[in-house]
């Protein structure tokens, strides 16, 4: 639901952003429509403030012709560095950013400077569009004209990795698609090309939990049966809610499931290394690998009634994506 616009909060935010310029930030979260992002671009142009989106906004419009902003970095050291110069932060549908985990090496969870003033123009979990449009008016922001987007370049045939996988998916994705992004560490390649892809909506992994990707795709496909849903899914996270595939088959939902099969809980391996365990022993390693036994995603999918195929090259992936355009769900196991 949209938050009622608080005129006093809008006026205070406008004064703050104008006075502090680049020493002030605007953090966007929750549901970020094209209109919200266009308003934020106008506010930045009018005030010189810096703009970020939340690390994992619930819903984000992106693609060619839509303003794009950096996300607050996931790792706290990077977030602290990115936000270090801020004297004030205005949030719209977000809360002030904190680290996802506690680290002894970092020593704090709040990634904002201690003296940074904090204020809000739209409540957490609300649609911030009315407040952002009001703030644009209060700052005198004019529409921002973006340069034409460069089409996502074709990727030469070759073995798949997370970069080529993301590029092929961004180039293929149809306009108006809903991409449910739980690719985790395998999603960087898509992120690099998303701004030049056809306009689409992304549903992110909110809160840092894992396992919401496949059921999120079920919900999106039921809510928007006229739009193609892409479940961009890490293999480890997908194991938490595997039964969603059966629901997709039973309801004949138009979902293209792309499983990034790196056969590891890669983010947990990274987090383990960040605790100081750079060379974990065999027991610790066994907690984060998916190879003993190796997961067979095509067989798992077919056992639940979802047609599936395994791909190892960019050409095979492109062909599999093209073949998935028909009605009903299709799973593609991309071997990385």
C-alpha atoms as a PDB file:
ATOM      1  CA  UNK A   1       0.000   0.000   0.000  1.00  0.00           C
ATOM      2  CA  UNK A   2       1.084   3.570  -0.625  1.00  0.00           C
ATOM      3  CA  UNK A   3       2.050   5.618   2.406  1.00  0.00           C
ATOM      4  CA  UNK A   4       0.162   8.875   2.884  1.00  0.00           C
ATOM      5  CA  UNK A   5       2.485  11.735   2.017  1.00  0.00           C
ATOM      6  CA  UNK A   6       3.704  13.650   5.077  1.00  0.00           C
ATOM      7  CA  UNK A   7       4.192  17.225   3.844  1.00  0.00           C
ATOM      8  CA  UNK A   8       6.437  18.154   6.770  1.00  0.00           C
ATOM      9  CA  UNK A   9       8.690  15.144   6.173  1.00  0.00           C
ATOM     10  CA  UNK A  10       8.887  15.974   2.463  1.00  0.00           C
ATOM     11  CA  UNK A  11       9.831  19.615   3.130  1.00  0.00           C
ATOM     12  CA  UNK A  12      12.478  18.597   5.670  1.00  0.00           C
ATOM     13  CA  UNK A  13      13.942  16.025   3.279  1.00  0.00           C
ATOM     14  CA  UNK A  14      14.017  18.526   0.415  1.00  0.00           C
ATOM     15  CA  UNK A  15      15.875  21.080   2.555  1.00  0.00           C
ATOM     16  CA  UNK A  16      18.345  18.449   3.731  1.00  0.00           C
ATOM     17  CA  UNK A  17      19.124  17.167   0.238  1.00  0.00           C
ATOM     18  CA  UNK A  18      19.515  20.649  -1.218  1.00  0.00           C
ATOM     19  CA  UNK A  19      21.772  21.848   1.604  1.00  0.00           C
ATOM     20  CA  UNK A  20      24.027  18.812   1.836  1.00  0.00           C
ATOM     21  CA  UNK A  21      24.148  17.719  -1.803  1.00  0.00           C
ATOM     22  CA  UNK A  22      26.593  14.822  -2.227  1.00  0.00           C
ATOM     23  CA  UNK A  23      26.943  14.547   1.561  1.00  0.00           C
ATOM     24  CA  UNK A  24      23.325  13.361   1.680  1.00  0.00           C
ATOM     25  CA  UNK A  25      21.893  10.087   0.446  1.00  0.00           C
ATOM     26  CA  UNK A  26      18.496   8.788  -0.656  1.00  0.00           C
ATOM     27  CA  UNK A  27      17.885   5.078  -0.033  1.00  0.00           C
ATOM     28  CA  UNK A  28      15.052   3.387  -1.949  1.00  0.00           C
ATOM     29  CA  UNK A  29      13.412   0.117  -0.935  1.00  0.00           C
ATOM     30  CA  UNK A  30      10.305  -2.078  -0.972  1.00  0.00           C
ATOM     31  CA  UNK A  31       8.385  -1.708  -4.272  1.00  0.00           C
ATOM     32  CA  UNK A  32      10.313   0.380  -6.786  1.00  0.00           C
ATOM     33  CA  UNK A  33       8.270   1.195  -9.865  1.00  0.00           C
ATOM     34  CA  UNK A  34       9.553   2.937 -12.960  1.00  0.00           C
ATOM     35  CA  UNK A  35       7.871   6.155 -11.775  1.00  0.00           C
ATOM     36  CA  UNK A  36       9.643   5.921  -8.400  1.00  0.00           C
ATOM     37  CA  UNK A  37      13.025   5.479 -10.050  1.00  0.00           C
ATOM     38  CA  UNK A  38      12.393   8.327 -12.486  1.00  0.00           C
ATOM     39  CA  UNK A  39      11.456  10.580  -9.556  1.00  0.00           C
ATOM     40  CA  UNK A  40      14.654   9.595  -7.735  1.00  0.00           C
ATOM     41  CA  UNK A  41      16.731  10.410 -10.821  1.00  0.00           C
ATOM     42  CA  UNK A  42      15.122  13.860 -10.965  1.00  0.00           C
ATOM     43  CA  UNK A  43      15.794  14.436  -7.248  1.00  0.00           C
ATOM     44  CA  UNK A  44      19.449  13.501  -7.691  1.00  0.00           C
ATOM     45  CA  UNK A  45      19.815  15.833 -10.659  1.00  0.00           C
ATOM     46  CA  UNK A  46      18.179  18.711  -8.774  1.00  0.00           C
ATOM     47  CA  UNK A  47      20.057  18.340  -5.463  1.00  0.00           C
ATOM     48  CA  UNK A  48      23.306  16.508  -6.186  1.00  0.00           C
ATOM     49  CA  UNK A  49      22.471  13.896  -3.553  1.00  0.00           C
ATOM     50  CA  UNK A  50      23.545  10.282  -3.905  1.00  0.00           C
ATOM     51  CA  UNK A  51      20.964   7.548  -4.498  1.00  0.00           C
ATOM     52  CA  UNK A  52      21.065   3.853  -3.687  1.00  0.00           C
ATOM     53  CA  UNK A  53      18.542   1.041  -3.780  1.00  0.00           C
ATOM     54  CA  UNK A  54      18.359  -1.395  -0.890  1.00  0.00           C
ATOM     55  CA  UNK A  55      20.651  -4.418  -1.180  1.00  0.00           C
ATOM     56  CA  UNK A  56      17.645  -6.613  -1.949  1.00  0.00           C
ATOM     57  CA  UNK A  57      14.576  -4.496  -2.741  1.00  0.00           C
ATOM     58  CA  UNK A  58      11.393  -6.539  -2.793  1.00  0.00           C
ATOM     59  CA  UNK A  59      10.403  -5.514  -6.322  1.00  0.00           C
ATOM     60  CA  UNK A  60      12.480  -3.455  -8.726  1.00  0.00           C
ATOM     61  CA  UNK A  61      11.697  -2.212 -12.235  1.00  0.00           C
ATOM     62  CA  UNK A  62      14.779  -2.306 -14.438  1.00  0.00           C
ATOM     63  CA  UNK A  63      15.886  -2.478 -18.026  1.00  0.00           C
ATOM     64  CA  UNK A  64      16.395  -0.192 -20.988  1.00  0.00           C
ATOM     65  CA  UNK A  65      15.041   3.319 -20.438  1.00  0.00           C
ATOM     66  CA  UNK A  66      14.623   2.913 -16.663  1.00  0.00           C
ATOM     67  CA  UNK A  67      16.999   4.770 -14.294  1.00  0.00           C
ATOM     68  CA  UNK A  68      19.362   2.421 -12.477  1.00  0.00           C
ATOM     69  CA  UNK A  69      21.143   3.024  -9.176  1.00  0.00           C
ATOM     70  CA  UNK A  70      23.809   1.127  -7.280  1.00  0.00           C
ATOM     71  CA  UNK A  71      22.637  -1.169  -4.507  1.00  0.00           C
ATOM     72  CA  UNK A  72      24.046  -0.827  -1.007  1.00  0.00           C
ATOM     73  CA  UNK A  73      26.903  -3.388  -1.018  1.00  0.00           C
ATOM     74  CA  UNK A  74      26.223  -6.738   0.611  1.00  0.00           C
ATOM     75  CA  UNK A  75      29.512  -6.985   2.495  1.00  0.00           C
ATOM     76  CA  UNK A  76      29.672  -4.516   5.407  1.00  0.00           C
ATOM     77  CA  UNK A  77      33.216  -3.305   4.744  1.00  0.00           C
ATOM     78  CA  UNK A  78      32.192  -2.224   1.257  1.00  0.00           C
ATOM     79  CA  UNK A  79      28.951  -0.673   2.510  1.00  0.00           C
ATOM     80  CA  UNK A  80      30.804   1.276   5.222  1.00  0.00           C
ATOM     81  CA  UNK A  81      33.228   2.619   2.617  1.00  0.00           C
ATOM     82  CA  UNK A  82      30.445   3.542   0.166  1.00  0.00           C
ATOM     83  CA  UNK A  83      28.456   5.435   2.813  1.00  0.00           C
ATOM     84  CA  UNK A  84      31.377   6.919   4.759  1.00  0.00           C
ATOM     85  CA  UNK A  85      30.955  10.520   3.580  1.00  0.00           C
ATOM     86  CA  UNK A  86      27.228  10.768   4.363  1.00  0.00           C
ATOM     87  CA  UNK A  87      26.003  13.339   6.858  1.00  0.00           C
ATOM     88  CA  UNK A  88      22.315  12.552   6.293  1.00  0.00           C
ATOM     89  CA  UNK A  89      20.281   9.694   4.826  1.00  0.00           C
ATOM     90  CA  UNK A  90      16.648   9.898   3.714  1.00  0.00           C
ATOM     91  CA  UNK A  91      14.927   6.542   3.342  1.00  0.00           C
ATOM     92  CA  UNK A  92      11.907   5.792   1.139  1.00  0.00           C
ATOM     93  CA  UNK A  93      10.360   2.381   1.755  1.00  0.00           C
ATOM     94  CA  UNK A  94      13.561   1.122   3.392  1.00  0.00           C
ATOM     95  CA  UNK A  95      15.225   1.076   6.791  1.00  0.00           C
ATOM     96  CA  UNK A  96      18.740   2.412   7.425  1.00  0.00           C
ATOM     97  CA  UNK A  97      21.142  -0.298   6.184  1.00  0.00           C
ATOM     98  CA  UNK A  98      22.807  -2.815   8.481  1.00  0.00           C
ATOM     99  CA  UNK A  99      25.116  -5.788   7.885  1.00  0.00           C
ATOM    100  CA  UNK A 100      23.451  -9.144   7.225  1.00  0.00           C
ATOM    101  CA  UNK A 101      25.754 -10.894   9.718  1.00  0.00           C
ATOM    102  CA  UNK A 102      27.818  -9.875  12.711  1.00  0.00           C
ATOM    103  CA  UNK A 103      31.579  -9.905  12.093  1.00  0.00           C
ATOM    104  CA  UNK A 104      34.203  -9.585  14.795  1.00  0.00           C
ATOM    105  CA  UNK A 105      36.563  -8.127  12.200  1.00  0.00           C
ATOM    106  CA  UNK A 106      34.098  -5.339  11.395  1.00  0.00           C
ATOM    107  CA  UNK A 107      33.004  -4.662  14.939  1.00  0.00           C
ATOM    108  CA  UNK A 108      29.638  -3.098  14.122  1.00  0.00           C
ATOM    109  CA  UNK A 109      26.405  -3.907  12.301  1.00  0.00           C
ATOM    110  CA  UNK A 110      25.310  -0.330  11.520  1.00  0.00           C
ATOM    111  CA  UNK A 111      27.092   0.578   8.287  1.00  0.00           C
ATOM    112  CA  UNK A 112      26.214   4.291   8.384  1.00  0.00           C
ATOM    113  CA  UNK A 113      28.562   6.830   9.984  1.00  0.00           C
ATOM    114  CA  UNK A 114      27.609   7.331  13.630  1.00  0.00           C
ATOM    115  CA  UNK A 115      26.897  11.037  13.126  1.00  0.00           C
ATOM    116  CA  UNK A 116      24.744  10.503  10.009  1.00  0.00           C
ATOM    117  CA  UNK A 117      21.239  11.923  10.513  1.00  0.00           C
ATOM    118  CA  UNK A 118      18.420   9.594   9.490  1.00  0.00           C
ATOM    119  CA  UNK A 119      14.906  10.418   8.325  1.00  0.00           C
ATOM    120  CA  UNK A 120      12.120   8.752   6.350  1.00  0.00           C
ATOM    121  CA  UNK A 121       9.533   9.880   3.799  1.00  0.00           C
ATOM    122  CA  UNK A 122       7.841   6.483   3.276  1.00  0.00           C
ATOM    123  CA  UNK A 123       7.384   3.580   5.660  1.00  0.00           C
ATOM    124  CA  UNK A 124       9.124   0.232   5.338  1.00  0.00           C
ATOM    125  CA  UNK A 125       7.173  -2.222   3.122  1.00  0.00           C
ATOM    126  CA  UNK A 126       5.134   0.589   1.568  1.00  0.00           C
ATOM    127  CA  UNK A 127       5.032   1.867  -2.003  1.00  0.00           C
ATOM    128  CA  UNK A 128       7.246   4.993  -1.894  1.00  0.00           C
ATOM    129  CA  UNK A 129       6.116   6.356  -5.280  1.00  0.00           C
ATOM    130  CA  UNK A 130       3.767   9.103  -3.939  1.00  0.00           C
ATOM    131  CA  UNK A 131       6.403  10.337  -1.488  1.00  0.00           C
ATOM    132  CA  UNK A 132       9.171  10.324  -4.095  1.00  0.00           C
ATOM    133  CA  UNK A 133       7.005  12.211  -6.579  1.00  0.00           C
ATOM    134  CA  UNK A 134       6.215  14.777  -3.869  1.00  0.00           C
ATOM    135  CA  UNK A 135       9.913  15.097  -3.031  1.00  0.00           C
ATOM    136  CA  UNK A 136      10.689  15.634  -6.707  1.00  0.00           C
ATOM    137  CA  UNK A 137       8.224  18.527  -6.757  1.00  0.00           C
ATOM    138  CA  UNK A 138       9.666  19.969  -3.537  1.00  0.00           C
ATOM    139  CA  UNK A 139      13.212  19.912  -4.922  1.00  0.00           C
ATOM    140  CA  UNK A 140      12.229  21.288  -8.329  1.00  0.00           C
ATOM    141  CA  UNK A 141      13.423  18.164 -10.092  1.00  0.00           C
ATOM    142  CA  UNK A 142      12.843  17.984 -13.842  1.00  0.00           C
ATOM    143  CA  UNK A 143      12.457  14.774 -15.871  1.00  0.00           C
ATOM    144  CA  UNK A 144      15.795  13.130 -16.649  1.00  0.00           C
ATOM    145  CA  UNK A 145      16.361  11.980 -20.230  1.00  0.00           C
ATOM    146  CA  UNK A 146      18.443   8.834 -20.376  1.00  0.00           C
ATOM    147  CA  UNK A 147      20.741   8.049 -23.316  1.00  0.00           C
ATOM    148  CA  UNK A 148      19.611   5.177 -25.540  1.00  0.00           C
ATOM    149  CA  UNK A 149      20.484   1.806 -24.058  1.00  0.00           C
ATOM    150  CA  UNK A 150      23.013  -0.392 -25.805  1.00  0.00           C
ATOM    151  CA  UNK A 151      21.567  -3.807 -26.650  1.00  0.00           C
ATOM    152  CA  UNK A 152      23.084  -6.696 -24.720  1.00  0.00           C
ATOM    153  CA  UNK A 153      25.812  -8.070 -26.972  1.00  0.00           C
ATOM    154  CA  UNK A 154      25.672 -11.653 -28.191  1.00  0.00           C
ATOM    155  CA  UNK A 155      28.001 -14.017 -26.364  1.00  0.00           C
ATOM    156  CA  UNK A 156      30.263 -16.256 -28.406  1.00  0.00           C
ATOM    157  CA  UNK A 157      29.734 -19.981 -28.074  1.00  0.00           C
ATOM    158  CA  UNK A 158      31.688 -21.503 -25.236  1.00  0.00           C
ATOM    159  CA  UNK A 159      31.436 -23.040 -21.771  1.00  0.00           C
ATOM    160  CA  UNK A 160      29.040 -21.433 -19.347  1.00  0.00           C
ATOM    161  CA  UNK A 161      30.193 -19.368 -16.399  1.00  0.00           C
ATOM    162  CA  UNK A 162      28.228 -16.906 -14.293  1.00  0.00           C
ATOM    163  CA  UNK A 163      29.191 -14.004 -16.598  1.00  0.00           C
ATOM    164  CA  UNK A 164      28.186 -15.619 -19.891  1.00  0.00           C
ATOM    165  CA  UNK A 165      25.072 -17.118 -18.307  1.00  0.00           C
ATOM    166  CA  UNK A 166      23.908 -13.677 -17.180  1.00  0.00           C
ATOM    167  CA  UNK A 167      24.613 -12.071 -20.537  1.00  0.00           C
ATOM    168  CA  UNK A 168      22.667 -14.729 -22.475  1.00  0.00           C
ATOM    169  CA  UNK A 169      19.719 -14.515 -20.087  1.00  0.00           C
ATOM    170  CA  UNK A 170      19.620 -10.691 -20.214  1.00  0.00           C
ATOM    171  CA  UNK A 171      19.692 -10.717 -24.026  1.00  0.00           C
ATOM    172  CA  UNK A 172      16.936 -13.353 -24.261  1.00  0.00           C
ATOM    173  CA  UNK A 173      14.547 -12.131 -21.583  1.00  0.00           C
ATOM    174  CA  UNK A 174      11.251 -10.905 -23.073  1.00  0.00           C
ATOM    175  CA  UNK A 175       9.894  -7.435 -22.330  1.00  0.00           C
ATOM    176  CA  UNK A 176       7.540  -7.387 -19.367  1.00  0.00           C
ATOM    177  CA  UNK A 177       9.018 -10.516 -17.823  1.00  0.00           C
ATOM    178  CA  UNK A 178       9.107 -11.020 -14.066  1.00  0.00           C
ATOM    179  CA  UNK A 179      12.499 -12.316 -12.991  1.00  0.00           C
ATOM    180  CA  UNK A 180      12.645 -13.872  -9.527  1.00  0.00           C
ATOM    181  CA  UNK A 181      16.311 -13.538  -8.666  1.00  0.00           C
ATOM    182  CA  UNK A 182      17.643 -16.084  -6.201  1.00  0.00           C
ATOM    183  CA  UNK A 183      20.807 -16.804  -8.185  1.00  0.00           C
ATOM    184  CA  UNK A 184      22.929 -15.515  -5.273  1.00  0.00           C
ATOM    185  CA  UNK A 185      26.636 -15.556  -6.204  1.00  0.00           C
ATOM    186  CA  UNK A 186      25.829 -16.743  -9.745  1.00  0.00           C
ATOM    187  CA  UNK A 187      23.681 -13.688 -10.465  1.00  0.00           C
ATOM    188  CA  UNK A 188      26.420 -11.079 -10.976  1.00  0.00           C
ATOM    189  CA  UNK A 189      26.591 -11.594 -14.734  1.00  0.00           C
ATOM    190  CA  UNK A 190      22.907 -10.809 -15.121  1.00  0.00           C
ATOM    191  CA  UNK A 191      23.200  -7.765 -12.853  1.00  0.00           C
ATOM    192  CA  UNK A 192      25.927  -6.328 -15.080  1.00  0.00           C
ATOM    193  CA  UNK A 193      23.619  -6.423 -18.126  1.00  0.00           C
ATOM    194  CA  UNK A 194      20.193  -5.866 -16.544  1.00  0.00           C
ATOM    195  CA  UNK A 195      20.094  -2.121 -17.268  1.00  0.00           C
ATOM    196  CA  UNK A 196      20.282  -2.847 -21.023  1.00  0.00           C
ATOM    197  CA  UNK A 197      17.843  -5.757 -21.043  1.00  0.00           C
ATOM    198  CA  UNK A 198      14.231  -5.356 -22.135  1.00  0.00           C
ATOM    199  CA  UNK A 199      12.208  -3.617 -19.381  1.00  0.00           C
ATOM    200  CA  UNK A 200      11.177  -6.076 -16.704  1.00  0.00           C
ATOM    201  CA  UNK A 201      10.494  -6.454 -12.982  1.00  0.00           C
ATOM    202  CA  UNK A 202      12.798  -8.226 -10.549  1.00  0.00           C
ATOM    203  CA  UNK A 203      11.677  -9.843  -7.317  1.00  0.00           C
ATOM    204  CA  UNK A 204      14.719 -10.038  -5.060  1.00  0.00           C
ATOM    205  CA  UNK A 205      15.828 -12.257  -2.221  1.00  0.00           C
ATOM    206  CA  UNK A 206      14.629 -10.078   0.648  1.00  0.00           C
ATOM    207  CA  UNK A 207      16.112 -10.208   4.122  1.00  0.00           C
ATOM    208  CA  UNK A 208      19.070 -12.423   3.247  1.00  0.00           C
ATOM    209  CA  UNK A 209      17.154 -15.698   3.696  1.00  0.00           C
ATOM    210  CA  UNK A 210      17.308 -18.392   1.027  1.00  0.00           C
ATOM    211  CA  UNK A 211      14.597 -20.619  -0.403  1.00  0.00           C
ATOM    212  CA  UNK A 212      12.023 -18.044  -1.503  1.00  0.00           C
ATOM    213  CA  UNK A 213      12.924 -18.067  -5.205  1.00  0.00           C
ATOM    214  CA  UNK A 214      10.838 -20.994  -6.480  1.00  0.00           C
ATOM    215  CA  UNK A 215       7.712 -20.276  -4.396  1.00  0.00           C
ATOM    216  CA  UNK A 216       8.102 -16.598  -5.327  1.00  0.00           C
ATOM    217  CA  UNK A 217       7.973 -17.629  -8.983  1.00  0.00           C
ATOM    218  CA  UNK A 218       4.789 -19.626  -8.310  1.00  0.00           C
ATOM    219  CA  UNK A 219       3.175 -16.552  -6.770  1.00  0.00           C
ATOM    220  CA  UNK A 220       4.290 -14.261  -9.588  1.00  0.00           C
ATOM    221  CA  UNK A 221       2.983 -16.619 -12.278  1.00  0.00           C
ATOM    222  CA  UNK A 222      -0.408 -16.935 -10.579  1.00  0.00           C
ATOM    223  CA  UNK A 223      -0.650 -13.170 -10.006  1.00  0.00           C
ATOM    224  CA  UNK A 224       0.399 -12.224 -13.556  1.00  0.00           C
ATOM    225  CA  UNK A 225      -0.582 -15.045 -15.925  1.00  0.00           C
ATOM    226  CA  UNK A 226      -0.031 -12.807 -18.965  1.00  0.00           C
ATOM    227  CA  UNK A 227       3.683 -12.301 -18.216  1.00  0.00           C
ATOM    228  CA  UNK A 228       6.575 -14.733 -18.559  1.00  0.00           C
ATOM    229  CA  UNK A 229       8.173 -15.543 -15.211  1.00  0.00           C
ATOM    230  CA  UNK A 230      11.855 -16.438 -15.013  1.00  0.00           C
ATOM    231  CA  UNK A 231      13.039 -18.201 -11.858  1.00  0.00           C
ATOM    232  CA  UNK A 232      16.772 -17.434 -11.788  1.00  0.00           C
ATOM    233  CA  UNK A 233      17.718 -19.920  -9.132  1.00  0.00           C
ATOM    234  CA  UNK A 234      20.822 -21.037  -7.243  1.00  0.00           C
ATOM    235  CA  UNK A 235      20.946 -24.798  -6.838  1.00  0.00           C
ATOM    236  CA  UNK A 236      21.544 -24.828  -3.075  1.00  0.00           C
ATOM    237  CA  UNK A 237      18.763 -22.351  -2.335  1.00  0.00           C
ATOM    238  CA  UNK A 238      16.403 -24.221  -4.619  1.00  0.00           C
ATOM    239  CA  UNK A 239      16.712 -27.371  -2.519  1.00  0.00           C
ATOM    240  CA  UNK A 240      14.892 -25.628   0.337  1.00  0.00           C
ATOM    241  CA  UNK A 241      11.592 -25.421  -1.579  1.00  0.00           C
ATOM    242  CA  UNK A 242      11.885 -28.023  -4.312  1.00  0.00           C
ATOM    243  CA  UNK A 243       8.185 -28.903  -4.065  1.00  0.00           C
ATOM    244  CA  UNK A 244       7.393 -25.648  -5.897  1.00  0.00           C
ATOM    245  CA  UNK A 245       8.224 -27.473  -9.145  1.00  0.00           C
ATOM    246  CA  UNK A 246       5.309 -29.850  -8.584  1.00  0.00           C
ATOM    247  CA  UNK A 247       2.975 -26.898  -8.052  1.00  0.00           C
ATOM    248  CA  UNK A 248       4.217 -25.284 -11.279  1.00  0.00           C
ATOM    249  CA  UNK A 249       3.502 -28.502 -13.174  1.00  0.00           C
ATOM    250  CA  UNK A 250       0.121 -29.050 -11.535  1.00  0.00           C
ATOM    251  CA  UNK A 251      -1.033 -25.486 -12.291  1.00  0.00           C
ATOM    252  CA  UNK A 252       0.764 -25.360 -15.680  1.00  0.00           C
ATOM    253  CA  UNK A 253       2.392 -22.035 -14.805  1.00  0.00           C
ATOM    254  CA  UNK A 254       4.421 -20.223 -17.462  1.00  0.00           C
ATOM    255  CA  UNK A 255       7.768 -20.282 -15.669  1.00  0.00           C
ATOM    256  CA  UNK A 256      11.238 -20.685 -17.127  1.00  0.00           C
ATOM    257  CA  UNK A 257      13.441 -22.031 -14.331  1.00  0.00           C
ATOM    258  CA  UNK A 258      17.179 -21.501 -14.820  1.00  0.00           C
ATOM    259  CA  UNK A 259      19.123 -23.392 -12.157  1.00  0.00           C
ATOM    260  CA  UNK A 260      22.693 -22.169 -11.665  1.00  0.00           C
ATOM    261  CA  UNK A 261      24.354 -25.496 -10.901  1.00  0.00           C
ATOM    262  CA  UNK A 262      27.711 -24.731  -9.298  1.00  0.00           C
ATOM    263  CA  UNK A 263      27.111 -27.578  -6.820  1.00  0.00           C
ATOM    264  CA  UNK A 264      27.987 -25.551  -3.759  1.00  0.00           C
ATOM    265  CA  UNK A 265      26.569 -23.203  -1.167  1.00  0.00           C
ATOM    266  CA  UNK A 266      29.033 -20.652  -2.519  1.00  0.00           C
ATOM    267  CA  UNK A 267      27.903 -17.728  -0.388  1.00  0.00           C
ATOM    268  CA  UNK A 268      28.348 -19.846   2.750  1.00  0.00           C
ATOM    269  CA  UNK A 269      31.821 -20.827   1.585  1.00  0.00           C
ATOM    270  CA  UNK A 270      32.613 -17.131   1.191  1.00  0.00           C
ATOM    271  CA  UNK A 271      31.185 -16.316   4.609  1.00  0.00           C
ATOM    272  CA  UNK A 272      33.157 -19.176   6.159  1.00  0.00           C
ATOM    273  CA  UNK A 273      36.332 -17.724   4.680  1.00  0.00           C
ATOM    274  CA  UNK A 274      35.448 -14.318   6.090  1.00  0.00           C
ATOM    275  CA  UNK A 275      35.415 -15.742   9.618  1.00  0.00           C
ATOM    276  CA  UNK A 276      39.093 -16.593   9.233  1.00  0.00           C
ATOM    277  CA  UNK A 277      38.663 -20.182   8.043  1.00  0.00           C
ATOM    278  CA  UNK A 278      40.503 -19.705   4.773  1.00  0.00           C
ATOM    279  CA  UNK A 279      41.394 -23.406   4.562  1.00  0.00           C
ATOM    280  CA  UNK A 280      38.567 -25.339   6.232  1.00  0.00           C
ATOM    281  CA  UNK A 281      38.934 -29.022   6.981  1.00  0.00           C
ATOM    282  CA  UNK A 282      36.963 -31.824   5.331  1.00  0.00           C
ATOM    283  CA  UNK A 283      34.053 -31.694   7.787  1.00  0.00           C
ATOM    284  CA  UNK A 284      33.550 -27.952   7.333  1.00  0.00           C
ATOM    285  CA  UNK A 285      33.870 -28.277   3.555  1.00  0.00           C
ATOM    286  CA  UNK A 286      31.264 -31.030   3.505  1.00  0.00           C
ATOM    287  CA  UNK A 287      28.707 -28.647   5.010  1.00  0.00           C
ATOM    288  CA  UNK A 288      28.746 -26.424   1.936  1.00  0.00           C
ATOM    289  CA  UNK A 289      29.190 -28.744  -1.051  1.00  0.00           C
ATOM    290  CA  UNK A 290      26.419 -30.337  -3.122  1.00  0.00           C
ATOM    291  CA  UNK A 291      28.426 -33.074  -4.836  1.00  0.00           C
ATOM    292  CA  UNK A 292      28.200 -36.067  -2.506  1.00  0.00           C
ATOM    293  CA  UNK A 293      25.916 -37.155  -4.082  1.00  0.00           C
ATOM    294  CA  UNK A 294      25.708 -34.753  -7.024  1.00  0.00           C
ATOM    295  CA  UNK A 295      22.283 -33.170  -7.530  1.00  0.00           C
ATOM    296  CA  UNK A 296      20.510 -34.152 -10.762  1.00  0.00           C
ATOM    297  CA  UNK A 297      18.164 -31.227 -11.349  1.00  0.00           C
ATOM    298  CA  UNK A 298      16.782 -32.515 -14.638  1.00  0.00           C
ATOM    299  CA  UNK A 299      15.700 -35.760 -12.974  1.00  0.00           C
ATOM    300  CA  UNK A 300      14.325 -33.929  -9.938  1.00  0.00           C
ATOM    301  CA  UNK A 301      12.236 -31.709 -12.222  1.00  0.00           C
ATOM    302  CA  UNK A 302      10.992 -34.510 -14.460  1.00  0.00           C
ATOM    303  CA  UNK A 303      10.006 -36.491 -11.374  1.00  0.00           C
ATOM    304  CA  UNK A 304       7.655 -33.629 -10.498  1.00  0.00           C
ATOM    305  CA  UNK A 305       6.254 -33.250 -14.000  1.00  0.00           C
ATOM    306  CA  UNK A 306       8.419 -30.360 -15.254  1.00  0.00           C
ATOM    307  CA  UNK A 307      10.216 -30.880 -18.592  1.00  0.00           C
ATOM    308  CA  UNK A 308      13.938 -30.266 -18.165  1.00  0.00           C
ATOM    309  CA  UNK A 309      17.244 -30.205 -19.982  1.00  0.00           C
ATOM    310  CA  UNK A 310      20.879 -29.735 -18.996  1.00  0.00           C
ATOM    311  CA  UNK A 311      23.104 -27.197 -20.773  1.00  0.00           C
ATOM    312  CA  UNK A 312      26.851 -26.598 -20.609  1.00  0.00           C
ATOM    313  CA  UNK A 313      27.466 -23.953 -23.320  1.00  0.00           C
ATOM    314  CA  UNK A 314      26.068 -20.560 -24.230  1.00  0.00           C
ATOM    315  CA  UNK A 315      24.563 -21.886 -27.456  1.00  0.00           C
ATOM    316  CA  UNK A 316      22.817 -24.723 -25.635  1.00  0.00           C
ATOM    317  CA  UNK A 317      21.466 -22.241 -23.082  1.00  0.00           C
ATOM    318  CA  UNK A 318      20.165 -19.905 -25.785  1.00  0.00           C
ATOM    319  CA  UNK A 319      18.423 -22.793 -27.548  1.00  0.00           C
ATOM    320  CA  UNK A 320      16.907 -24.033 -24.290  1.00  0.00           C
ATOM    321  CA  UNK A 321      15.604 -20.575 -23.410  1.00  0.00           C
ATOM    322  CA  UNK A 322      13.998 -20.215 -26.844  1.00  0.00           C
ATOM    323  CA  UNK A 323      12.349 -23.619 -26.428  1.00  0.00           C
ATOM    324  CA  UNK A 324      10.922 -22.588 -23.037  1.00  0.00           C
ATOM    325  CA  UNK A 325       8.621 -19.893 -24.465  1.00  0.00           C
ATOM    326  CA  UNK A 326       5.656 -22.238 -24.760  1.00  0.00           C
ATOM    327  CA  UNK A 327       2.978 -22.712 -22.126  1.00  0.00           C
ATOM    328  CA  UNK A 328       3.796 -24.393 -18.847  1.00  0.00           C
ATOM    329  CA  UNK A 329       6.998 -24.659 -16.822  1.00  0.00           C
ATOM    330  CA  UNK A 330      10.417 -25.672 -18.159  1.00  0.00           C
ATOM    331  CA  UNK A 331      13.599 -26.188 -16.144  1.00  0.00           C
ATOM    332  CA  UNK A 332      17.084 -25.557 -17.508  1.00  0.00           C
ATOM    333  CA  UNK A 333      20.015 -26.855 -15.477  1.00  0.00           C
ATOM    334  CA  UNK A 334      22.971 -24.614 -16.373  1.00  0.00           C
ATOM    335  CA  UNK A 335      26.232 -26.340 -15.439  1.00  0.00           C
ATOM    336  CA  UNK A 336      28.753 -23.793 -14.161  1.00  0.00           C
END
